[in-house]
N, C-alpha and C. Protein backbone atom coordinates (compact mmCIF):
# COMPACT_ATOMS: atom_id res chain seq x y z
N MET A 1 -29.93 13.38 27.34
CA MET A 1 -29.54 12.79 26.39
C MET A 1 -29.55 11.53 25.97
N SER A 2 -30.16 10.85 24.51
CA SER A 2 -30.05 9.81 24.44
C SER A 2 -28.72 8.41 24.15
N ALA A 3 -30.15 7.08 23.93
CA ALA A 3 -28.87 6.55 24.57
C ALA A 3 -27.59 6.42 22.97
N LYS A 4 -28.42 6.85 21.32
CA LYS A 4 -27.55 6.89 20.46
C LYS A 4 -26.54 7.76 20.48
N SER A 5 -27.44 9.05 21.43
CA SER A 5 -25.83 10.00 21.15
C SER A 5 -24.98 9.52 22.11
N THR A 6 -25.10 8.59 22.94
CA THR A 6 -24.38 8.70 24.30
C THR A 6 -23.03 7.24 23.74
N ILE A 7 -23.74 5.88 22.70
CA ILE A 7 -23.11 5.97 21.62
C ILE A 7 -22.03 6.69 20.79
N GLY A 8 -22.71 7.34 20.05
CA GLY A 8 -22.27 7.70 19.32
C GLY A 8 -20.80 8.78 19.83
N ASN A 9 -21.59 9.31 21.25
CA ASN A 9 -20.02 9.69 21.84
C ASN A 9 -18.90 9.46 22.17
N ILE A 10 -18.91 8.24 22.62
CA ILE A 10 -18.03 7.11 23.16
C ILE A 10 -17.91 6.99 21.88
N ALA A 11 -18.36 5.90 20.73
CA ALA A 11 -17.33 5.42 19.57
C ALA A 11 -16.37 7.08 19.42
N ALA A 12 -17.09 8.45 19.30
CA ALA A 12 -16.30 8.76 19.19
C ALA A 12 -14.62 9.06 19.43
N ILE A 13 -15.38 9.18 20.59
CA ILE A 13 -13.73 8.98 21.81
C ILE A 13 -12.78 8.53 21.93
N LEU A 14 -13.73 7.43 21.57
CA LEU A 14 -12.62 6.25 21.12
C LEU A 14 -11.70 6.16 19.53
N TYR A 15 -12.51 6.66 18.81
CA TYR A 15 -11.78 7.01 18.27
C TYR A 15 -10.47 8.19 17.71
N TYR A 16 -11.00 9.15 18.29
CA TYR A 16 -10.10 10.17 18.57
C TYR A 16 -9.01 9.60 19.74
N ILE A 17 -8.81 8.31 20.57
CA ILE A 17 -8.16 8.29 20.58
C ILE A 17 -7.47 7.52 20.04
N LEU A 18 -7.94 6.38 18.81
CA LEU A 18 -7.09 5.36 18.41
C LEU A 18 -6.51 5.35 17.16
N ALA A 19 -7.39 5.93 16.58
CA ALA A 19 -7.73 6.22 15.30
C ALA A 19 -6.81 7.86 14.90
N LEU A 20 -6.93 8.92 15.50
CA LEU A 20 -6.40 9.86 15.55
C LEU A 20 -4.73 10.09 15.24
N PRO A 21 -4.02 9.98 16.78
CA PRO A 21 -3.20 9.51 17.11
C PRO A 21 -2.10 8.88 15.56
N MET A 22 -2.52 7.50 14.87
CA MET A 22 -2.19 7.68 14.04
C MET A 22 -2.27 8.54 13.26
N LEU A 23 -2.95 8.74 12.34
CA LEU A 23 -3.59 9.99 11.28
C LEU A 23 -2.69 10.96 11.59
N ILE A 24 -2.19 11.68 12.80
CA ILE A 24 -1.52 12.91 13.11
C ILE A 24 -0.43 12.18 13.01
N LEU A 25 0.77 11.22 13.51
CA LEU A 25 1.80 11.02 13.88
C LEU A 25 2.61 10.24 11.94
N TYR A 26 1.38 9.35 12.33
CA TYR A 26 1.92 8.72 11.04
C TYR A 26 1.69 8.80 9.08
N LEU A 27 1.20 9.53 9.31
CA LEU A 27 0.99 10.28 7.87
C LEU A 27 2.84 10.97 7.57
N PRO A 28 2.62 12.19 8.72
CA PRO A 28 4.38 12.43 8.23
C PRO A 28 5.21 11.66 7.54
N TYR A 29 4.90 10.78 9.32
CA TYR A 29 6.33 9.32 9.68
C TYR A 29 6.04 8.56 8.02
N THR A 30 4.89 8.19 7.44
CA THR A 30 4.50 7.08 6.39
C THR A 30 5.20 8.37 4.85
N ILE A 31 5.43 9.80 5.24
CA ILE A 31 5.92 10.11 3.49
C ILE A 31 7.23 10.23 3.62
N ALA A 32 7.90 11.00 4.77
CA ALA A 32 9.45 10.26 5.40
C ALA A 32 9.59 8.85 4.56
N ASP A 33 9.21 7.74 5.49
CA ASP A 33 9.74 6.15 5.04
C ASP A 33 8.75 6.22 3.53
N SER A 34 8.75 6.93 2.99
CA SER A 34 8.34 6.38 1.29
C SER A 34 9.31 6.74 0.57
N PHE A 35 9.70 8.17 1.30
CA PHE A 35 11.21 8.47 0.08
C PHE A 35 12.51 8.03 0.54
N SER A 36 12.25 6.99 2.15
CA SER A 36 13.82 6.39 2.50
C SER A 36 13.39 4.88 1.55
N ALA A 37 12.58 4.52 1.30
CA ALA A 37 12.11 3.39 0.91
C ALA A 37 12.36 3.91 -1.34
N LEU A 38 12.18 4.78 -1.62
CA LEU A 38 12.99 5.36 -3.03
C LEU A 38 14.51 5.21 -3.06
N LYS A 39 15.40 5.27 -1.64
CA LYS A 39 16.64 5.44 -1.47
C LYS A 39 16.82 4.06 -1.18
N MET A 40 16.07 3.07 -0.47
CA MET A 40 17.19 1.93 -0.46
C MET A 40 17.04 1.12 -2.10
N ILE A 41 15.85 1.13 -2.22
CA ILE A 41 15.78 0.34 -4.03
C ILE A 41 16.87 1.33 -5.00
N VAL A 42 17.10 2.27 -5.23
CA VAL A 42 18.66 2.74 -5.94
C VAL A 42 19.63 2.96 -5.38
N GLU A 43 19.97 2.57 -3.66
CA GLU A 43 21.49 2.50 -3.81
C GLU A 43 21.48 0.67 -3.51
N TYR A 44 20.52 0.19 -3.24
CA TYR A 44 20.44 -1.57 -3.01
C TYR A 44 20.52 -1.79 -4.72
N GLY A 45 19.77 -1.63 -5.28
CA GLY A 45 19.45 -2.02 -6.49
C GLY A 45 18.30 -3.10 -7.03
N PHE A 46 18.15 -3.37 -5.68
CA PHE A 46 16.65 -4.58 -5.96
C PHE A 46 15.56 -3.44 -5.51
N SER A 47 14.60 -4.49 -5.51
CA SER A 47 13.09 -3.80 -4.98
C SER A 47 12.80 -5.16 -4.33
N GLY A 48 11.95 -4.40 -2.43
CA GLY A 48 11.59 -4.79 -1.85
C GLY A 48 10.30 -5.41 -1.50
N VAL A 49 9.91 -4.78 -0.09
CA VAL A 49 8.47 -4.88 0.65
C VAL A 49 7.87 -3.55 -0.27
N ASP A 50 6.77 -3.61 -1.16
CA ASP A 50 5.95 -2.21 -1.24
C ASP A 50 4.94 -2.41 -0.77
N ASN A 51 4.77 -1.46 0.47
CA ASN A 51 3.87 -0.83 1.00
C ASN A 51 3.30 0.24 1.16
N GLY A 52 3.50 1.15 0.14
CA GLY A 52 2.91 2.63 0.10
C GLY A 52 1.83 2.23 -0.46
N MET A 53 1.64 1.51 -1.31
CA MET A 53 -0.33 1.77 -1.32
C MET A 53 -1.03 1.12 -0.34
N GLY A 54 -0.57 -0.12 -0.06
CA GLY A 54 -1.20 0.02 1.44
C GLY A 54 -0.97 0.65 2.29
N ASN A 55 0.21 1.41 2.61
CA ASN A 55 -0.92 2.57 3.69
C ASN A 55 -2.12 3.39 3.38
N ALA A 56 -1.78 3.66 2.07
CA ALA A 56 -2.59 4.95 1.22
C ALA A 56 -4.06 4.12 1.60
N ALA A 57 -3.86 3.10 1.49
CA ALA A 57 -5.19 2.31 1.60
C ALA A 57 -6.57 2.33 3.07
N VAL A 58 -5.09 2.39 3.92
CA VAL A 58 -5.70 2.09 5.41
C VAL A 58 -5.95 3.46 5.44
N PHE A 59 -5.29 4.59 5.19
CA PHE A 59 -5.28 5.91 5.22
C PHE A 59 -6.61 6.26 5.12
N GLY A 60 -7.07 6.01 3.70
CA GLY A 60 -8.10 6.19 2.67
C GLY A 60 -9.56 5.29 3.57
N LEU A 61 -9.26 4.53 4.30
CA LEU A 61 -10.25 3.78 5.43
C LEU A 61 -10.77 4.48 6.32
N PHE A 62 -9.58 4.88 7.63
CA PHE A 62 -9.76 5.82 8.34
C PHE A 62 -10.34 7.15 8.20
N ILE A 63 -9.16 8.06 6.96
CA ILE A 63 -10.15 9.39 6.55
C ILE A 63 -11.81 9.14 6.15
N GLY A 64 -11.95 8.05 5.30
CA GLY A 64 -13.29 7.83 5.27
C GLY A 64 -14.79 7.51 6.09
N ILE A 65 -14.09 6.51 6.70
CA ILE A 65 -15.42 6.65 8.03
C ILE A 65 -14.96 7.87 8.58
N SER A 66 -14.24 8.56 9.18
CA SER A 66 -14.11 9.72 9.25
C SER A 66 -15.22 10.81 9.29
N LEU A 67 -15.41 10.83 7.66
CA LEU A 67 -16.41 11.96 7.07
C LEU A 67 -17.44 11.58 7.44
N LEU A 68 -17.90 10.31 7.16
CA LEU A 68 -18.79 9.40 6.81
C LEU A 68 -20.10 8.78 8.38
N VAL A 69 -19.23 9.33 9.25
CA VAL A 69 -19.95 8.94 10.80
C VAL A 69 -19.99 9.93 11.41
N PRO A 70 -21.83 10.59 11.44
CA PRO A 70 -21.15 12.11 11.83
C PRO A 70 -20.74 12.24 13.32
N ALA A 71 -20.84 11.35 14.38
CA ALA A 71 -19.88 10.96 15.25
C ALA A 71 -18.59 11.32 15.22
N PHE A 72 -17.76 10.75 14.24
CA PHE A 72 -16.36 11.41 13.95
C PHE A 72 -16.24 12.45 13.09
N ARG A 73 -16.71 12.44 12.32
CA ARG A 73 -16.88 13.77 12.02
C ARG A 73 -16.64 15.42 12.65
N LYS A 74 -17.25 15.01 14.13
CA LYS A 74 -17.02 16.62 14.91
C LYS A 74 -15.54 16.68 15.46
N ILE A 75 -14.14 15.90 14.67
CA ILE A 75 -12.86 15.92 14.93
C ILE A 75 -12.53 16.76 14.08
N TYR A 76 -13.43 17.49 13.44
CA TYR A 76 -13.01 18.10 12.44
C TYR A 76 -13.35 19.90 12.24
N TYR A 77 -14.62 19.69 13.00
CA TYR A 77 -15.35 20.86 13.48
C TYR A 77 -14.52 21.37 14.88
N LYS A 78 -13.51 20.03 15.75
CA LYS A 78 -12.99 20.63 17.18
C LYS A 78 -11.23 21.13 16.90
N LEU A 79 -10.66 20.42 15.48
CA LEU A 79 -9.95 20.70 14.86
C LEU A 79 -9.90 21.48 13.87
N PRO A 80 -9.91 22.81 13.71
CA PRO A 80 -10.13 22.74 12.17
C PRO A 80 -9.00 22.96 11.03
N TRP A 81 -8.46 22.91 11.49
CA TRP A 81 -6.80 22.85 10.51
C TRP A 81 -6.24 21.29 10.33
N PHE A 82 -7.57 20.07 11.01
CA PHE A 82 -7.27 18.86 10.56
C PHE A 82 -7.30 18.30 9.05
N PHE A 83 -9.05 18.62 9.17
CA PHE A 83 -8.97 18.15 7.16
C PHE A 83 -7.89 18.70 6.11
N PRO A 84 -7.08 20.00 6.00
CA PRO A 84 -6.56 20.30 5.56
C PRO A 84 -4.98 19.68 5.48
N PHE A 85 -4.89 19.28 6.76
CA PHE A 85 -3.41 18.27 6.61
C PHE A 85 -3.41 16.88 6.78
N VAL A 86 -4.87 16.14 7.17
CA VAL A 86 -5.05 15.01 6.07
C VAL A 86 -5.40 14.63 4.43
N LYS A 87 -6.21 15.73 4.04
CA LYS A 87 -6.12 15.90 2.45
C LYS A 87 -5.24 15.72 1.73
N ILE A 88 -3.82 17.21 2.58
CA ILE A 88 -3.08 17.34 1.44
C ILE A 88 -1.70 15.96 1.44
N LEU A 89 -1.63 15.41 3.05
CA LEU A 89 -0.81 14.20 3.46
C LEU A 89 -1.26 13.17 2.89
N PHE A 90 -2.55 12.81 2.93
CA PHE A 90 -3.39 11.71 1.25
C PHE A 90 -2.81 11.41 0.51
N VAL A 91 -3.14 12.38 0.16
CA VAL A 91 -2.48 13.16 -1.62
C VAL A 91 -0.88 12.68 -1.41
N ASP A 92 -0.35 13.18 -0.85
CA ASP A 92 1.31 12.81 -1.16
C ASP A 92 1.58 11.38 -0.70
N VAL A 93 1.13 10.89 -0.14
CA VAL A 93 1.18 9.58 -0.02
C VAL A 93 0.86 8.57 -0.93
N THR A 94 -0.57 8.65 -1.30
CA THR A 94 -0.65 8.42 -2.29
C THR A 94 0.19 8.56 -3.66
N ILE A 95 0.63 9.72 -4.02
CA ILE A 95 1.64 9.83 -4.73
C ILE A 95 3.31 9.19 -4.71
N LEU A 96 3.61 9.58 -3.94
CA LEU A 96 4.74 8.15 -3.53
C LEU A 96 3.66 7.00 -3.47
N GLY A 97 3.23 6.62 -3.36
CA GLY A 97 2.72 5.28 -3.19
C GLY A 97 2.76 4.97 -4.77
N VAL A 98 2.32 5.31 -5.31
CA VAL A 98 2.67 5.05 -7.01
C VAL A 98 4.15 5.49 -7.98
N SER A 99 5.13 6.05 -7.03
CA SER A 99 6.37 6.16 -6.77
C SER A 99 7.18 4.50 -6.63
N ILE A 100 6.44 4.75 -5.64
CA ILE A 100 7.76 2.86 -5.00
C ILE A 100 6.37 2.06 -6.13
N MET A 101 5.82 2.12 -6.15
CA MET A 101 4.53 1.87 -7.69
C MET A 101 5.63 1.46 -8.55
N ILE A 102 6.26 1.84 -9.15
CA ILE A 102 6.85 2.17 -10.79
C ILE A 102 8.62 1.55 -10.22
N LEU A 103 9.18 2.42 -9.04
CA LEU A 103 10.10 2.21 -9.13
C LEU A 103 10.48 0.07 -9.31
N HIS A 104 9.39 0.01 -7.88
CA HIS A 104 10.15 -1.46 -7.68
C HIS A 104 9.81 -2.49 -9.25
N TYR A 105 8.71 -2.20 -10.14
CA TYR A 105 8.32 -2.64 -11.44
C TYR A 105 9.94 -2.17 -11.72
N GLY A 106 10.51 -1.21 -12.01
CA GLY A 106 11.41 -0.70 -12.97
C GLY A 106 12.99 -1.93 -12.12
N TYR A 107 12.87 -2.29 -10.82
CA TYR A 107 14.13 -2.74 -10.36
C TYR A 107 13.63 -4.33 -10.41
N GLN A 108 12.68 -4.54 -11.01
CA GLN A 108 12.22 -6.63 -11.22
C GLN A 108 13.54 -7.16 -12.03
N VAL A 109 13.88 -5.91 -12.90
CA VAL A 109 14.52 -7.06 -13.96
C VAL A 109 16.26 -6.07 -13.63
N LYS A 110 17.54 -6.91 -13.28
CA LYS A 110 18.49 -6.03 -13.31
C LYS A 110 19.34 -5.58 -14.76
N SER A 111 18.38 -4.73 -14.72
CA SER A 111 19.42 -3.72 -16.25
C SER A 111 19.43 -2.68 -15.32
N PRO A 112 20.56 -1.75 -15.94
CA PRO A 112 21.05 -0.76 -15.55
C PRO A 112 20.37 0.39 -16.67
N VAL A 113 20.47 -0.30 -17.95
CA VAL A 113 19.57 1.06 -18.47
C VAL A 113 17.89 1.50 -18.07
N ARG A 114 17.55 -0.02 -18.10
CA ARG A 114 15.80 0.12 -17.14
C ARG A 114 16.00 0.54 -15.96
N ASN A 115 16.56 0.04 -15.41
CA ASN A 115 17.23 0.62 -13.58
C ASN A 115 16.91 2.59 -14.18
N ILE A 116 17.91 3.11 -14.80
CA ILE A 116 17.81 3.75 -14.77
C ILE A 116 16.65 4.91 -15.39
N MET A 117 16.08 3.93 -16.78
CA MET A 117 14.99 5.01 -17.17
C MET A 117 13.66 5.18 -16.05
N PHE A 118 13.67 4.35 -15.45
CA PHE A 118 12.49 3.78 -14.36
C PHE A 118 12.81 5.14 -13.01
N LEU A 119 13.71 5.15 -12.72
CA LEU A 119 14.08 6.15 -11.90
C LEU A 119 13.69 7.66 -11.76
N ILE A 120 14.07 7.64 -13.52
CA ILE A 120 13.59 9.16 -14.33
C ILE A 120 12.52 8.83 -14.44
N LEU A 121 11.76 7.98 -14.93
CA LEU A 121 9.98 7.95 -14.60
C LEU A 121 9.45 8.13 -13.53
N THR A 122 9.74 7.57 -11.82
CA THR A 122 9.70 8.14 -10.66
C THR A 122 10.08 9.55 -10.76
N ILE A 123 11.19 9.76 -10.89
CA ILE A 123 11.28 11.47 -10.47
C ILE A 123 10.29 12.23 -11.15
N VAL A 124 10.25 12.03 -12.23
CA VAL A 124 9.11 12.65 -13.10
C VAL A 124 7.55 12.44 -13.32
N GLN A 125 7.79 11.85 -12.03
CA GLN A 125 5.92 11.30 -11.63
C GLN A 125 5.45 11.79 -10.24
N ILE A 126 6.53 12.19 -9.57
CA ILE A 126 6.47 12.53 -9.08
C ILE A 126 6.60 14.00 -8.40
N VAL A 127 7.79 14.77 -9.44
CA VAL A 127 7.76 16.30 -9.84
C VAL A 127 6.19 16.93 -9.91
N VAL A 128 5.55 15.95 -11.25
CA VAL A 128 4.67 16.50 -12.06
C VAL A 128 3.24 16.52 -11.08
N CYS A 129 3.18 14.54 -10.81
CA CYS A 129 2.26 14.78 -9.56
C CYS A 129 1.77 16.23 -8.67
N ARG A 130 3.00 16.60 -7.89
CA ARG A 130 3.10 17.25 -6.95
C ARG A 130 2.67 18.76 -7.55
N ILE A 131 3.46 19.65 -8.71
CA ILE A 131 2.67 20.54 -9.03
C ILE A 131 1.51 20.29 -9.99
N LEU A 132 0.72 18.95 -10.39
CA LEU A 132 -0.32 19.36 -10.52
C LEU A 132 -1.11 19.14 -8.65
N MET A 133 -0.95 19.03 -7.51
CA MET A 133 -1.75 18.69 -6.47
C MET A 133 -1.76 20.01 -6.20
N CYS A 134 -0.22 21.15 -6.42
CA CYS A 134 0.15 22.57 -6.07
C CYS A 134 -1.28 22.94 -7.21
N SER A 135 -1.47 23.54 -7.80
CA SER A 135 -1.84 23.61 -8.75
C SER A 135 -3.60 23.60 -8.10
N TYR A 136 -3.66 22.32 -7.91
CA TYR A 136 -5.17 22.12 -7.90
C TYR A 136 -5.33 22.73 -6.61
N PHE A 137 -5.05 22.55 -5.27
CA PHE A 137 -4.94 23.36 -3.81
C PHE A 137 -5.46 25.19 -4.29
N TYR A 138 -4.46 25.29 -5.44
CA TYR A 138 -4.04 26.22 -5.57
C TYR A 138 -5.13 26.97 -5.82
N LYS A 139 -6.15 26.53 -6.76
CA LYS A 139 -7.23 27.01 -7.47
C LYS A 139 -8.58 26.67 -7.28
N LYS A 140 -8.22 25.43 -6.39
CA LYS A 140 -9.30 24.94 -5.23
C LYS A 140 -8.72 24.71 -3.81
N PRO A 141 -8.77 25.38 -2.70
CA PRO A 141 -8.33 25.87 -1.72
C PRO A 141 -9.00 24.09 -0.61
N VAL A 142 -8.50 24.06 -0.36
CA VAL A 142 -9.13 22.85 0.89
C VAL A 142 -9.59 23.83 2.17
N LYS A 143 -10.99 23.33 1.96
CA LYS A 143 -11.67 24.22 3.11
C LYS A 143 -11.76 23.65 4.04
N HIS A 144 -11.82 24.44 5.27
CA HIS A 144 -11.45 23.44 6.63
C HIS A 144 -13.43 23.04 7.38
N ILE A 145 -13.59 22.32 7.25
CA ILE A 145 -14.96 21.39 7.27
C ILE A 145 -15.66 22.65 8.61
N GLY A 146 -14.93 22.42 9.85
CA GLY A 146 -15.45 23.31 11.54
C GLY A 146 -14.86 24.83 11.54
N GLY A 147 -15.17 25.29 11.95
CA GLY A 147 -14.17 26.39 12.77
C GLY A 147 -14.15 27.50 11.80
N SER A 148 -13.31 27.89 11.74
CA SER A 148 -12.87 29.25 10.56
C SER A 148 -12.43 28.81 9.60
N ASN A 149 -12.57 29.84 8.85
CA ASN A 149 -11.59 29.46 6.72
C ASN A 149 -10.61 30.63 6.71
N GLY A 150 -10.39 30.81 8.00
CA GLY A 150 -9.82 32.08 7.97
C GLY A 150 -8.60 32.44 8.29
């Protein structure tokens, strides 16, 4: 085994230990947290910290690294279900991040009409984006990178 291969394997193991658990556990948590943030904005009537798109950016960085570096890409061959899981949840996190941004913008001014209008816009955005995502993945199913596609 060459030194380059050994370094790649060590880096991959560290990546699997540090980044993989974050993606597996934190992606679903972020989706639940986004709905909680939306509820809090509507319930309390003011915008708070907007970290939805920040979460999407961090996840995108880790997902992009795992797809670009061949040593890290091995995870998708070891766990064939992981790529569809990550891809679909990443799109969900992005949709919810945009919806939080829309609702934050609507609640910057204390106006009931504006708040209701942006709440409706947020709901429409989530529903339309989810329908578009579902139709896209229906037409182009997420392929497994490794393992069996069946």
